[in-house]
């Protein structure tokens, strides 16, 4: 989870702060996270949003097809127009579809399953299979704000969703005295990525991080060319028979699978690092939608196993380099 300071007051000027739910696709939520913006069209729901959603309002993002609330943001600007082709559908259609834009300030990111809290959410009146109707529209909930109680319930669930690190923050080194290592959730992704880079080099691979997909697979579609994979392990300076590695902390599982599908033709194996819950979700989605050959290339690596080795990897990496130099003399 990534978390920032939430707004402390529930009023602003002469009107009360409101809490809204917006539904979006996995690809579009990647833009929200990367650029801290949100945008709507000129259509009826978009015009209504521009008139109703104000600075300091709080937005909850529900990501379609995941069944999850994945982010909470504060509105950090008035609405303005932007002609840049920002969103995935705009880049695909090569025309502007959502020109009305606002800036956002991050409050929290995580993965909170709607079904786990549906009985407690006041705005979802029907608790049966029709609950999805309350997450449609712009904004969702039939263009009505949700209550502060529902907002706080969702925010709390998002915060808890990434709290599994708590059991891994204390390590017992060789000394008799225990040492507590504080892990900041906002740095978890980077720590896991760096650990996997170093492990690859220890295992004899050339490791790279943040490699753009088209450099690995030249047939990557135009709209995906700027996407990247977290880590690549490769042999002999070629991406043929490489090992792509994705670290799943708070991003879209659908987007992760799409990236791996683009890399699979060049991959010998593929590794997904994540919490047990996220790995189960990836495995379930892959087994349902992908080929047997694709599934057999995947290795699921629990993030706790990486965290258990993390503090030792730099020393082992340094020792490995030292021995290589001496052995080659």
C-alpha atoms as a PDB file:
ATOM      1  CA  UNK A   1       0.000   0.000   0.000  1.00  0.00           C
ATOM      2  CA  UNK A   2       1.078   3.535  -0.678  1.00  0.00           C
ATOM      3  CA  UNK A   3      -0.343   6.016   1.757  1.00  0.00           C
ATOM      4  CA  UNK A   4      -0.275   9.768   2.179  1.00  0.00           C
ATOM      5  CA  UNK A   5      -1.973  12.138   4.573  1.00  0.00           C
ATOM      6  CA  UNK A   6      -5.756  12.180   4.387  1.00  0.00           C
ATOM      7  CA  UNK A   7      -7.684  15.393   4.634  1.00  0.00           C
ATOM      8  CA  UNK A   8      -8.370  16.299   8.239  1.00  0.00           C
ATOM      9  CA  UNK A   9     -11.499  18.386   7.833  1.00  0.00           C
ATOM     10  CA  UNK A  10     -14.881  17.392   6.458  1.00  0.00           C
ATOM     11  CA  UNK A  11     -15.838  20.919   5.430  1.00  0.00           C
ATOM     12  CA  UNK A  12     -14.413  23.386   2.967  1.00  0.00           C
ATOM     13  CA  UNK A  13     -15.572  26.908   2.695  1.00  0.00           C
ATOM     14  CA  UNK A  14     -19.381  26.964   2.592  1.00  0.00           C
ATOM     15  CA  UNK A  15     -20.050  23.387   1.440  1.00  0.00           C
ATOM     16  CA  UNK A  16     -19.373  19.966   2.907  1.00  0.00           C
ATOM     17  CA  UNK A  17     -16.697  17.643   1.588  1.00  0.00           C
ATOM     18  CA  UNK A  18     -18.183  14.749  -0.378  1.00  0.00           C
ATOM     19  CA  UNK A  19     -17.066  11.206  -1.026  1.00  0.00           C
ATOM     20  CA  UNK A  20     -17.418   9.769  -4.531  1.00  0.00           C
ATOM     21  CA  UNK A  21     -16.847   6.403  -6.177  1.00  0.00           C
ATOM     22  CA  UNK A  22     -15.540   6.284  -9.753  1.00  0.00           C
ATOM     23  CA  UNK A  23     -15.158   3.071 -11.727  1.00  0.00           C
ATOM     24  CA  UNK A  24     -12.314   2.684 -14.189  1.00  0.00           C
ATOM     25  CA  UNK A  25     -10.452   0.048 -16.166  1.00  0.00           C
ATOM     26  CA  UNK A  26      -7.144  -1.465 -15.088  1.00  0.00           C
ATOM     27  CA  UNK A  27      -5.271   0.365 -17.861  1.00  0.00           C
ATOM     28  CA  UNK A  28      -6.808   3.723 -17.015  1.00  0.00           C
ATOM     29  CA  UNK A  29      -6.073   3.267 -13.312  1.00  0.00           C
ATOM     30  CA  UNK A  30      -2.411   2.838 -14.237  1.00  0.00           C
ATOM     31  CA  UNK A  31      -2.607   6.390 -15.661  1.00  0.00           C
ATOM     32  CA  UNK A  32      -4.297   7.646 -12.494  1.00  0.00           C
ATOM     33  CA  UNK A  33      -1.442   6.251 -10.384  1.00  0.00           C
ATOM     34  CA  UNK A  34       1.322   7.399 -12.696  1.00  0.00           C
ATOM     35  CA  UNK A  35       0.083  10.957 -13.257  1.00  0.00           C
ATOM     36  CA  UNK A  36      -2.191  11.707 -10.271  1.00  0.00           C
ATOM     37  CA  UNK A  37      -5.048  12.882 -12.488  1.00  0.00           C
ATOM     38  CA  UNK A  38      -8.615  11.918 -13.324  1.00  0.00           C
ATOM     39  CA  UNK A  39     -10.693  12.914 -16.327  1.00  0.00           C
ATOM     40  CA  UNK A  40     -14.241  12.669 -17.680  1.00  0.00           C
ATOM     41  CA  UNK A  41     -15.917  13.225 -21.036  1.00  0.00           C
ATOM     42  CA  UNK A  42     -18.326  15.909 -22.284  1.00  0.00           C
ATOM     43  CA  UNK A  43     -21.163  13.398 -22.120  1.00  0.00           C
ATOM     44  CA  UNK A  44     -23.954  13.653 -19.559  1.00  0.00           C
ATOM     45  CA  UNK A  45     -22.144  11.878 -16.701  1.00  0.00           C
ATOM     46  CA  UNK A  46     -18.987  13.849 -17.382  1.00  0.00           C
ATOM     47  CA  UNK A  47     -20.756  17.218 -17.357  1.00  0.00           C
ATOM     48  CA  UNK A  48     -22.501  16.245 -14.148  1.00  0.00           C
ATOM     49  CA  UNK A  49     -19.179  15.288 -12.534  1.00  0.00           C
ATOM     50  CA  UNK A  50     -17.619  18.627 -13.468  1.00  0.00           C
ATOM     51  CA  UNK A  51     -20.443  20.484 -11.757  1.00  0.00           C
ATOM     52  CA  UNK A  52     -20.633  18.234  -8.666  1.00  0.00           C
ATOM     53  CA  UNK A  53     -17.083  17.171  -7.788  1.00  0.00           C
ATOM     54  CA  UNK A  54     -15.109  19.939  -6.088  1.00  0.00           C
ATOM     55  CA  UNK A  55     -11.567  20.449  -4.772  1.00  0.00           C
ATOM     56  CA  UNK A  56     -10.954  18.561  -1.505  1.00  0.00           C
ATOM     57  CA  UNK A  57     -13.637  15.981  -2.302  1.00  0.00           C
ATOM     58  CA  UNK A  58     -12.409  12.416  -1.834  1.00  0.00           C
ATOM     59  CA  UNK A  59     -12.510   9.862  -4.659  1.00  0.00           C
ATOM     60  CA  UNK A  60     -12.570   6.080  -4.273  1.00  0.00           C
ATOM     61  CA  UNK A  61     -11.562   4.154  -7.401  1.00  0.00           C
ATOM     62  CA  UNK A  62     -13.168   0.806  -8.181  1.00  0.00           C
ATOM     63  CA  UNK A  63     -11.278  -1.141 -10.864  1.00  0.00           C
ATOM     64  CA  UNK A  64     -13.603  -2.977 -13.243  1.00  0.00           C
ATOM     65  CA  UNK A  65     -13.209  -6.785 -13.530  1.00  0.00           C
ATOM     66  CA  UNK A  66     -11.126  -6.983 -10.358  1.00  0.00           C
ATOM     67  CA  UNK A  67     -13.956  -6.737  -7.822  1.00  0.00           C
ATOM     68  CA  UNK A  68     -11.733  -4.366  -5.857  1.00  0.00           C
ATOM     69  CA  UNK A  69     -11.457  -0.820  -4.611  1.00  0.00           C
ATOM     70  CA  UNK A  70      -7.811  -0.025  -5.352  1.00  0.00           C
ATOM     71  CA  UNK A  71      -7.231   3.629  -4.562  1.00  0.00           C
ATOM     72  CA  UNK A  72      -8.333   6.701  -2.631  1.00  0.00           C
ATOM     73  CA  UNK A  73      -7.412  10.236  -3.705  1.00  0.00           C
ATOM     74  CA  UNK A  74      -8.200  13.824  -2.750  1.00  0.00           C
ATOM     75  CA  UNK A  75      -9.229  16.249  -5.487  1.00  0.00           C
ATOM     76  CA  UNK A  76      -6.334  18.705  -5.600  1.00  0.00           C
ATOM     77  CA  UNK A  77      -7.479  21.224  -8.252  1.00  0.00           C
ATOM     78  CA  UNK A  78     -10.520  22.654  -9.989  1.00  0.00           C
ATOM     79  CA  UNK A  79     -11.534  21.057 -13.294  1.00  0.00           C
ATOM     80  CA  UNK A  80      -9.625  22.188 -16.378  1.00  0.00           C
ATOM     81  CA  UNK A  81      -9.367  21.023 -19.988  1.00  0.00           C
ATOM     82  CA  UNK A  82      -6.478  19.036 -21.417  1.00  0.00           C
ATOM     83  CA  UNK A  83      -6.145  18.189 -25.123  1.00  0.00           C
ATOM     84  CA  UNK A  84      -3.281  15.713 -24.678  1.00  0.00           C
ATOM     85  CA  UNK A  85      -4.093  12.082 -25.547  1.00  0.00           C
ATOM     86  CA  UNK A  86      -3.540  10.656 -22.079  1.00  0.00           C
ATOM     87  CA  UNK A  87      -5.832   7.672 -21.586  1.00  0.00           C
ATOM     88  CA  UNK A  88      -5.438   4.238 -23.250  1.00  0.00           C
ATOM     89  CA  UNK A  89      -8.656   4.498 -25.251  1.00  0.00           C
ATOM     90  CA  UNK A  90      -7.631   7.951 -26.494  1.00  0.00           C
ATOM     91  CA  UNK A  91      -4.284   6.640 -27.696  1.00  0.00           C
ATOM     92  CA  UNK A  92      -6.004   3.699 -29.395  1.00  0.00           C
ATOM     93  CA  UNK A  93      -8.679   5.834 -31.098  1.00  0.00           C
ATOM     94  CA  UNK A  94      -6.262   8.769 -31.670  1.00  0.00           C
ATOM     95  CA  UNK A  95      -8.847  11.278 -30.474  1.00  0.00           C
ATOM     96  CA  UNK A  96      -9.617  13.074 -27.233  1.00  0.00           C
ATOM     97  CA  UNK A  97     -12.506  11.489 -25.307  1.00  0.00           C
ATOM     98  CA  UNK A  98     -11.993  12.784 -21.750  1.00  0.00           C
ATOM     99  CA  UNK A  99     -10.904  16.441 -21.877  1.00  0.00           C
ATOM    100  CA  UNK A 100     -12.204  17.493 -18.450  1.00  0.00           C
ATOM    101  CA  UNK A 101      -9.391  16.829 -16.001  1.00  0.00           C
ATOM    102  CA  UNK A 102      -8.549  17.328 -12.316  1.00  0.00           C
ATOM    103  CA  UNK A 103      -5.361  16.845 -10.349  1.00  0.00           C
ATOM    104  CA  UNK A 104      -5.341  14.329  -7.515  1.00  0.00           C
ATOM    105  CA  UNK A 105      -3.419  13.849  -4.286  1.00  0.00           C
ATOM    106  CA  UNK A 106      -2.813  10.247  -3.247  1.00  0.00           C
ATOM    107  CA  UNK A 107      -4.243   9.044   0.063  1.00  0.00           C
ATOM    108  CA  UNK A 108      -3.932   5.251  -0.224  1.00  0.00           C
ATOM    109  CA  UNK A 109      -3.438   2.393  -2.675  1.00  0.00           C
ATOM    110  CA  UNK A 110      -4.254  -1.245  -2.065  1.00  0.00           C
ATOM    111  CA  UNK A 111      -6.631  -4.051  -3.004  1.00  0.00           C
ATOM    112  CA  UNK A 112      -9.889  -4.183  -1.033  1.00  0.00           C
ATOM    113  CA  UNK A 113     -12.401  -6.781  -2.229  1.00  0.00           C
ATOM    114  CA  UNK A 114     -15.955  -5.465  -2.437  1.00  0.00           C
ATOM    115  CA  UNK A 115     -17.463  -8.843  -1.497  1.00  0.00           C
ATOM    116  CA  UNK A 116     -15.500  -8.887   1.756  1.00  0.00           C
ATOM    117  CA  UNK A 117     -17.267  -5.754   2.984  1.00  0.00           C
ATOM    118  CA  UNK A 118     -20.490  -5.716   0.977  1.00  0.00           C
ATOM    119  CA  UNK A 119     -22.691  -6.420   3.997  1.00  0.00           C
ATOM    120  CA  UNK A 120     -21.287  -3.338   5.740  1.00  0.00           C
ATOM    121  CA  UNK A 121     -21.487  -0.896   2.817  1.00  0.00           C
ATOM    122  CA  UNK A 122     -24.562   1.297   3.074  1.00  0.00           C
ATOM    123  CA  UNK A 123     -24.519   2.560  -0.521  1.00  0.00           C
ATOM    124  CA  UNK A 124     -24.824  -0.955  -1.985  1.00  0.00           C
ATOM    125  CA  UNK A 125     -28.466  -1.650  -1.208  1.00  0.00           C
ATOM    126  CA  UNK A 126     -28.700  -5.015  -2.975  1.00  0.00           C
ATOM    127  CA  UNK A 127     -26.292  -7.548  -1.529  1.00  0.00           C
ATOM    128  CA  UNK A 128     -27.067 -10.244  -4.124  1.00  0.00           C
ATOM    129  CA  UNK A 129     -25.548 -10.695  -7.596  1.00  0.00           C
ATOM    130  CA  UNK A 130     -26.844  -7.254  -8.632  1.00  0.00           C
ATOM    131  CA  UNK A 131     -24.432  -5.325  -6.389  1.00  0.00           C
ATOM    132  CA  UNK A 132     -22.384  -4.309  -9.431  1.00  0.00           C
ATOM    133  CA  UNK A 133     -25.103  -1.876 -10.492  1.00  0.00           C
ATOM    134  CA  UNK A 134     -24.015   0.462  -7.683  1.00  0.00           C
ATOM    135  CA  UNK A 135     -20.550   0.702  -9.222  1.00  0.00           C
ATOM    136  CA  UNK A 136     -21.736   1.822 -12.650  1.00  0.00           C
ATOM    137  CA  UNK A 137     -22.049   5.373 -13.966  1.00  0.00           C
ATOM    138  CA  UNK A 138     -20.033   8.567 -13.713  1.00  0.00           C
ATOM    139  CA  UNK A 139     -19.785   8.865 -10.772  1.00  0.00           C
ATOM    140  CA  UNK A 140     -20.951   5.466  -9.537  1.00  0.00           C
ATOM    141  CA  UNK A 141     -23.790   4.972  -7.034  1.00  0.00           C
ATOM    142  CA  UNK A 142     -26.215   6.624  -9.450  1.00  0.00           C
ATOM    143  CA  UNK A 143     -24.232   9.890  -9.216  1.00  0.00           C
ATOM    144  CA  UNK A 144     -24.746  10.154  -5.489  1.00  0.00           C
ATOM    145  CA  UNK A 145     -21.915  10.559  -2.982  1.00  0.00           C
ATOM    146  CA  UNK A 146     -21.330   7.785  -0.469  1.00  0.00           C
ATOM    147  CA  UNK A 147     -21.417   8.355   3.278  1.00  0.00           C
ATOM    148  CA  UNK A 148     -18.375   9.200   5.344  1.00  0.00           C
ATOM    149  CA  UNK A 149     -18.891   5.865   7.123  1.00  0.00           C
ATOM    150  CA  UNK A 150     -18.660   3.929   3.840  1.00  0.00           C
ATOM    151  CA  UNK A 151     -15.635   5.967   2.783  1.00  0.00           C
ATOM    152  CA  UNK A 152     -13.800   5.233   6.035  1.00  0.00           C
ATOM    153  CA  UNK A 153     -14.705   1.550   5.791  1.00  0.00           C
ATOM    154  CA  UNK A 154     -13.232   1.318   2.273  1.00  0.00           C
ATOM    155  CA  UNK A 155     -10.147   3.343   3.203  1.00  0.00           C
ATOM    156  CA  UNK A 156      -9.517   1.120   6.208  1.00  0.00           C
ATOM    157  CA  UNK A 157      -9.835  -2.027   4.068  1.00  0.00           C
ATOM    158  CA  UNK A 158      -7.403  -0.642   1.486  1.00  0.00           C
ATOM    159  CA  UNK A 159      -4.899   0.161   4.217  1.00  0.00           C
ATOM    160  CA  UNK A 160      -5.234  -3.311   5.737  1.00  0.00           C
ATOM    161  CA  UNK A 161      -4.835  -5.010   2.353  1.00  0.00           C
ATOM    162  CA  UNK A 162      -1.146  -4.133   2.234  1.00  0.00           C
ATOM    163  CA  UNK A 163      -0.346  -4.624   5.902  1.00  0.00           C
ATOM    164  CA  UNK A 164       0.973  -8.183   5.504  1.00  0.00           C
ATOM    165  CA  UNK A 165       4.509  -6.792   5.866  1.00  0.00           C
ATOM    166  CA  UNK A 166       3.989  -6.457   9.603  1.00  0.00           C
ATOM    167  CA  UNK A 167       4.986 -10.072  10.237  1.00  0.00           C
ATOM    168  CA  UNK A 168       8.237  -9.640   8.300  1.00  0.00           C
ATOM    169  CA  UNK A 169       9.671  -6.487   9.829  1.00  0.00           C
ATOM    170  CA  UNK A 170      11.610  -8.168  12.625  1.00  0.00           C
ATOM    171  CA  UNK A 171      14.652 -10.254  11.742  1.00  0.00           C
ATOM    172  CA  UNK A 172      16.855 -12.384  13.996  1.00  0.00           C
ATOM    173  CA  UNK A 173      20.471 -11.937  12.882  1.00  0.00           C
ATOM    174  CA  UNK A 174      23.393 -14.050  14.047  1.00  0.00           C
ATOM    175  CA  UNK A 175      23.951 -11.762  17.040  1.00  0.00           C
ATOM    176  CA  UNK A 176      21.987 -12.565  20.175  1.00  0.00           C
ATOM    177  CA  UNK A 177      20.155  -9.257  20.080  1.00  0.00           C
ATOM    178  CA  UNK A 178      17.177  -8.939  17.744  1.00  0.00           C
ATOM    179  CA  UNK A 179      17.146  -6.061  15.293  1.00  0.00           C
ATOM    180  CA  UNK A 180      13.948  -4.492  14.061  1.00  0.00           C
ATOM    181  CA  UNK A 181      13.932  -3.365  10.436  1.00  0.00           C
ATOM    182  CA  UNK A 182      11.185  -0.960   9.476  1.00  0.00           C
ATOM    183  CA  UNK A 183       9.806  -1.467   5.976  1.00  0.00           C
ATOM    184  CA  UNK A 184       7.909   1.453   4.505  1.00  0.00           C
ATOM    185  CA  UNK A 185       5.054   0.192   2.306  1.00  0.00           C
ATOM    186  CA  UNK A 186       5.625   2.857  -0.340  1.00  0.00           C
ATOM    187  CA  UNK A 187       9.117   1.418  -0.878  1.00  0.00           C
ATOM    188  CA  UNK A 188       8.120  -2.250  -0.924  1.00  0.00           C
ATOM    189  CA  UNK A 189       7.897  -2.512  -4.715  1.00  0.00           C
ATOM    190  CA  UNK A 190      11.324  -0.943  -5.229  1.00  0.00           C
ATOM    191  CA  UNK A 191      12.887  -3.124  -2.526  1.00  0.00           C
ATOM    192  CA  UNK A 192      11.515  -6.305  -4.087  1.00  0.00           C
ATOM    193  CA  UNK A 193      12.633  -5.201  -7.558  1.00  0.00           C
ATOM    194  CA  UNK A 194      16.184  -4.428  -6.413  1.00  0.00           C
ATOM    195  CA  UNK A 195      16.411  -7.720  -4.529  1.00  0.00           C
ATOM    196  CA  UNK A 196      15.366  -9.641  -7.659  1.00  0.00           C
ATOM    197  CA  UNK A 197      17.930  -7.709  -9.751  1.00  0.00           C
ATOM    198  CA  UNK A 198      20.726  -8.677  -7.352  1.00  0.00           C
ATOM    199  CA  UNK A 199      19.527 -12.282  -7.083  1.00  0.00           C
ATOM    200  CA  UNK A 200      19.621 -12.591 -10.880  1.00  0.00           C
ATOM    201  CA  UNK A 201      23.245 -11.492 -10.946  1.00  0.00           C
ATOM    202  CA  UNK A 202      24.093 -13.936  -8.158  1.00  0.00           C
ATOM    203  CA  UNK A 203      22.472 -16.698 -10.230  1.00  0.00           C
ATOM    204  CA  UNK A 204      24.621 -15.792 -13.235  1.00  0.00           C
ATOM    205  CA  UNK A 205      22.200 -13.711 -15.275  1.00  0.00           C
ATOM    206  CA  UNK A 206      22.500 -10.183 -16.615  1.00  0.00           C
ATOM    207  CA  UNK A 207      19.799  -8.306 -14.702  1.00  0.00           C
ATOM    208  CA  UNK A 208      17.968  -5.210 -15.892  1.00  0.00           C
ATOM    209  CA  UNK A 209      15.058  -3.327 -14.368  1.00  0.00           C
ATOM    210  CA  UNK A 210      12.344  -1.245 -16.019  1.00  0.00           C
ATOM    211  CA  UNK A 211      12.920  -2.605 -19.544  1.00  0.00           C
ATOM    212  CA  UNK A 212      10.385  -1.369 -22.106  1.00  0.00           C
ATOM    213  CA  UNK A 213       8.346  -4.176 -23.637  1.00  0.00           C
ATOM    214  CA  UNK A 214       9.134  -3.352 -27.271  1.00  0.00           C
ATOM    215  CA  UNK A 215      12.861  -3.828 -26.618  1.00  0.00           C
ATOM    216  CA  UNK A 216      12.120  -7.442 -25.730  1.00  0.00           C
ATOM    217  CA  UNK A 217       9.350  -8.136 -28.236  1.00  0.00           C
ATOM    218  CA  UNK A 218       9.466  -5.960 -31.359  1.00  0.00           C
ATOM    219  CA  UNK A 219       5.840  -6.864 -32.102  1.00  0.00           C
ATOM    220  CA  UNK A 220       4.562  -5.010 -29.050  1.00  0.00           C
ATOM    221  CA  UNK A 221       1.466  -2.938 -30.052  1.00  0.00           C
ATOM    222  CA  UNK A 222       1.928   0.822 -30.263  1.00  0.00           C
ATOM    223  CA  UNK A 223      -0.293   1.518 -27.235  1.00  0.00           C
ATOM    224  CA  UNK A 224       1.907  -0.786 -25.097  1.00  0.00           C
ATOM    225  CA  UNK A 225       5.323   0.382 -26.296  1.00  0.00           C
ATOM    226  CA  UNK A 226       5.984   2.608 -23.303  1.00  0.00           C
ATOM    227  CA  UNK A 227       5.024  -0.091 -20.799  1.00  0.00           C
ATOM    228  CA  UNK A 228       7.872  -1.859 -19.037  1.00  0.00           C
ATOM    229  CA  UNK A 229       8.588  -5.053 -17.124  1.00  0.00           C
ATOM    230  CA  UNK A 230       9.940  -4.774 -13.580  1.00  0.00           C
ATOM    231  CA  UNK A 231      12.992  -7.017 -13.998  1.00  0.00           C
ATOM    232  CA  UNK A 232      14.572  -9.115 -16.749  1.00  0.00           C
ATOM    233  CA  UNK A 233      17.098 -11.885 -16.247  1.00  0.00           C
ATOM    234  CA  UNK A 234      18.906 -12.689 -19.501  1.00  0.00           C
ATOM    235  CA  UNK A 235      21.924 -14.608 -20.815  1.00  0.00           C
ATOM    236  CA  UNK A 236      24.564 -13.454 -23.281  1.00  0.00           C
ATOM    237  CA  UNK A 237      23.116  -9.939 -23.782  1.00  0.00           C
ATOM    238  CA  UNK A 238      20.054 -11.265 -25.629  1.00  0.00           C
ATOM    239  CA  UNK A 239      16.413 -11.284 -24.607  1.00  0.00           C
ATOM    240  CA  UNK A 240      15.836 -14.672 -26.242  1.00  0.00           C
ATOM    241  CA  UNK A 241      14.990 -17.237 -23.539  1.00  0.00           C
ATOM    242  CA  UNK A 242      14.943 -14.520 -20.874  1.00  0.00           C
ATOM    243  CA  UNK A 243      13.147 -14.576 -17.513  1.00  0.00           C
ATOM    244  CA  UNK A 244      10.723 -11.626 -17.120  1.00  0.00           C
ATOM    245  CA  UNK A 245       9.830 -10.814 -13.505  1.00  0.00           C
ATOM    246  CA  UNK A 246       6.791  -8.820 -12.384  1.00  0.00           C
ATOM    247  CA  UNK A 247       6.403  -7.571  -8.805  1.00  0.00           C
ATOM    248  CA  UNK A 248       2.722  -7.312  -7.877  1.00  0.00           C
ATOM    249  CA  UNK A 249       2.246  -4.895  -4.991  1.00  0.00           C
ATOM    250  CA  UNK A 250      -0.645  -2.552  -5.795  1.00  0.00           C
ATOM    251  CA  UNK A 251      -1.016  -2.533  -9.569  1.00  0.00           C
ATOM    252  CA  UNK A 252      -3.535  -4.120 -11.925  1.00  0.00           C
ATOM    253  CA  UNK A 253      -3.407  -7.905 -12.237  1.00  0.00           C
ATOM    254  CA  UNK A 254      -5.033  -7.690 -15.688  1.00  0.00           C
ATOM    255  CA  UNK A 255      -2.288  -5.319 -16.863  1.00  0.00           C
ATOM    256  CA  UNK A 256       0.399  -7.590 -15.388  1.00  0.00           C
ATOM    257  CA  UNK A 257      -0.948 -10.596 -17.302  1.00  0.00           C
ATOM    258  CA  UNK A 258      -1.120  -8.584 -20.536  1.00  0.00           C
ATOM    259  CA  UNK A 259       2.526  -7.592 -20.163  1.00  0.00           C
ATOM    260  CA  UNK A 260       3.579 -11.184 -19.571  1.00  0.00           C
ATOM    261  CA  UNK A 261       1.562 -12.335 -22.599  1.00  0.00           C
ATOM    262  CA  UNK A 262       3.579  -9.949 -24.766  1.00  0.00           C
ATOM    263  CA  UNK A 263       6.839 -11.275 -23.295  1.00  0.00           C
ATOM    264  CA  UNK A 264       5.951 -14.984 -23.240  1.00  0.00           C
ATOM    265  CA  UNK A 265       7.226 -15.723 -26.802  1.00  0.00           C
ATOM    266  CA  UNK A 266      10.723 -14.617 -25.691  1.00  0.00           C
ATOM    267  CA  UNK A 267      10.582 -16.117 -22.196  1.00  0.00           C
ATOM    268  CA  UNK A 268      12.086 -19.338 -20.896  1.00  0.00           C
ATOM    269  CA  UNK A 269      10.297 -18.886 -17.560  1.00  0.00           C
ATOM    270  CA  UNK A 270       8.308 -16.003 -16.042  1.00  0.00           C
ATOM    271  CA  UNK A 271       8.257 -15.054 -12.352  1.00  0.00           C
ATOM    272  CA  UNK A 272       5.519 -13.202 -10.461  1.00  0.00           C
ATOM    273  CA  UNK A 273       6.424 -11.887  -6.985  1.00  0.00           C
ATOM    274  CA  UNK A 274       3.582 -10.920  -4.680  1.00  0.00           C
ATOM    275  CA  UNK A 275       1.533 -11.584  -1.567  1.00  0.00           C
ATOM    276  CA  UNK A 276      -0.159 -14.960  -1.283  1.00  0.00           C
ATOM    277  CA  UNK A 277      -3.516 -13.299  -1.988  1.00  0.00           C
ATOM    278  CA  UNK A 278      -2.253 -11.592  -5.149  1.00  0.00           C
ATOM    279  CA  UNK A 279      -0.519 -14.755  -6.355  1.00  0.00           C
ATOM    280  CA  UNK A 280      -3.753 -16.704  -5.929  1.00  0.00           C
ATOM    281  CA  UNK A 281      -5.582 -14.043  -7.948  1.00  0.00           C
ATOM    282  CA  UNK A 282      -2.997 -14.121 -10.740  1.00  0.00           C
ATOM    283  CA  UNK A 283      -3.007 -17.928 -10.807  1.00  0.00           C
ATOM    284  CA  UNK A 284      -6.808 -18.076 -10.920  1.00  0.00           C
ATOM    285  CA  UNK A 285      -7.042 -15.542 -13.767  1.00  0.00           C
ATOM    286  CA  UNK A 286      -4.252 -17.185 -15.765  1.00  0.00           C
ATOM    287  CA  UNK A 287      -5.620 -20.715 -15.420  1.00  0.00           C
ATOM    288  CA  UNK A 288      -9.031 -19.503 -16.557  1.00  0.00           C
ATOM    289  CA  UNK A 289      -7.950 -17.449 -19.574  1.00  0.00           C
ATOM    290  CA  UNK A 290      -4.497 -18.499 -20.787  1.00  0.00           C
ATOM    291  CA  UNK A 291      -3.011 -21.493 -22.570  1.00  0.00           C
ATOM    292  CA  UNK A 292      -1.417 -24.430 -20.807  1.00  0.00           C
ATOM    293  CA  UNK A 293       1.974 -23.503 -22.318  1.00  0.00           C
ATOM    294  CA  UNK A 294       1.695 -20.001 -20.826  1.00  0.00           C
ATOM    295  CA  UNK A 295       0.704 -21.365 -17.406  1.00  0.00           C
ATOM    296  CA  UNK A 296       3.605 -23.836 -17.341  1.00  0.00           C
ATOM    297  CA  UNK A 297       6.146 -21.024 -17.768  1.00  0.00           C
ATOM    298  CA  UNK A 298       4.957 -19.167 -14.677  1.00  0.00           C
ATOM    299  CA  UNK A 299       6.698 -19.357 -11.307  1.00  0.00           C
ATOM    300  CA  UNK A 300       4.882 -17.823  -8.325  1.00  0.00           C
ATOM    301  CA  UNK A 301       7.271 -16.410  -5.713  1.00  0.00           C
ATOM    302  CA  UNK A 302       5.767 -15.247  -2.378  1.00  0.00           C
ATOM    303  CA  UNK A 303       7.124 -11.829  -1.455  1.00  0.00           C
ATOM    304  CA  UNK A 304       7.890 -13.006   2.091  1.00  0.00           C
ATOM    305  CA  UNK A 305      10.540 -15.368   0.723  1.00  0.00           C
ATOM    306  CA  UNK A 306      12.186 -12.428  -1.036  1.00  0.00           C
ATOM    307  CA  UNK A 307      11.922 -10.276   2.100  1.00  0.00           C
ATOM    308  CA  UNK A 308      13.507 -13.004   4.229  1.00  0.00           C
ATOM    309  CA  UNK A 309      16.619 -12.941   2.026  1.00  0.00           C
ATOM    310  CA  UNK A 310      16.642  -9.223   1.236  1.00  0.00           C
ATOM    311  CA  UNK A 311      18.999  -8.081   3.997  1.00  0.00           C
ATOM    312  CA  UNK A 312      21.544 -10.750   3.065  1.00  0.00           C
ATOM    313  CA  UNK A 313      21.471 -10.398  -0.721  1.00  0.00           C
ATOM    314  CA  UNK A 314      23.770  -7.323  -1.026  1.00  0.00           C
ATOM    315  CA  UNK A 315      26.503  -9.032   1.021  1.00  0.00           C
ATOM    316  CA  UNK A 316      26.191 -12.264  -0.972  1.00  0.00           C
ATOM    317  CA  UNK A 317      26.225 -10.272  -4.207  1.00  0.00           C
ATOM    318  CA  UNK A 318      29.401  -8.459  -3.141  1.00  0.00           C
ATOM    319  CA  UNK A 319      31.037 -11.739  -2.107  1.00  0.00           C
ATOM    320  CA  UNK A 320      30.043 -13.315  -5.428  1.00  0.00           C
ATOM    321  CA  UNK A 321      31.688 -10.457  -7.342  1.00  0.00           C
ATOM    322  CA  UNK A 322      34.812 -10.673  -5.183  1.00  0.00           C
ATOM    323  CA  UNK A 323      35.203 -14.411  -5.787  1.00  0.00           C
ATOM    324  CA  UNK A 324      34.576 -14.041  -9.536  1.00  0.00           C
ATOM    325  CA  UNK A 325      37.411 -11.538  -9.813  1.00  0.00           C
ATOM    326  CA  UNK A 326      39.791 -13.778  -7.868  1.00  0.00           C
ATOM    327  CA  UNK A 327      38.828 -16.909  -9.799  1.00  0.00           C
ATOM    328  CA  UNK A 328      39.394 -15.166 -13.117  1.00  0.00           C
ATOM    329  CA  UNK A 329      42.885 -13.947 -12.171  1.00  0.00           C
END
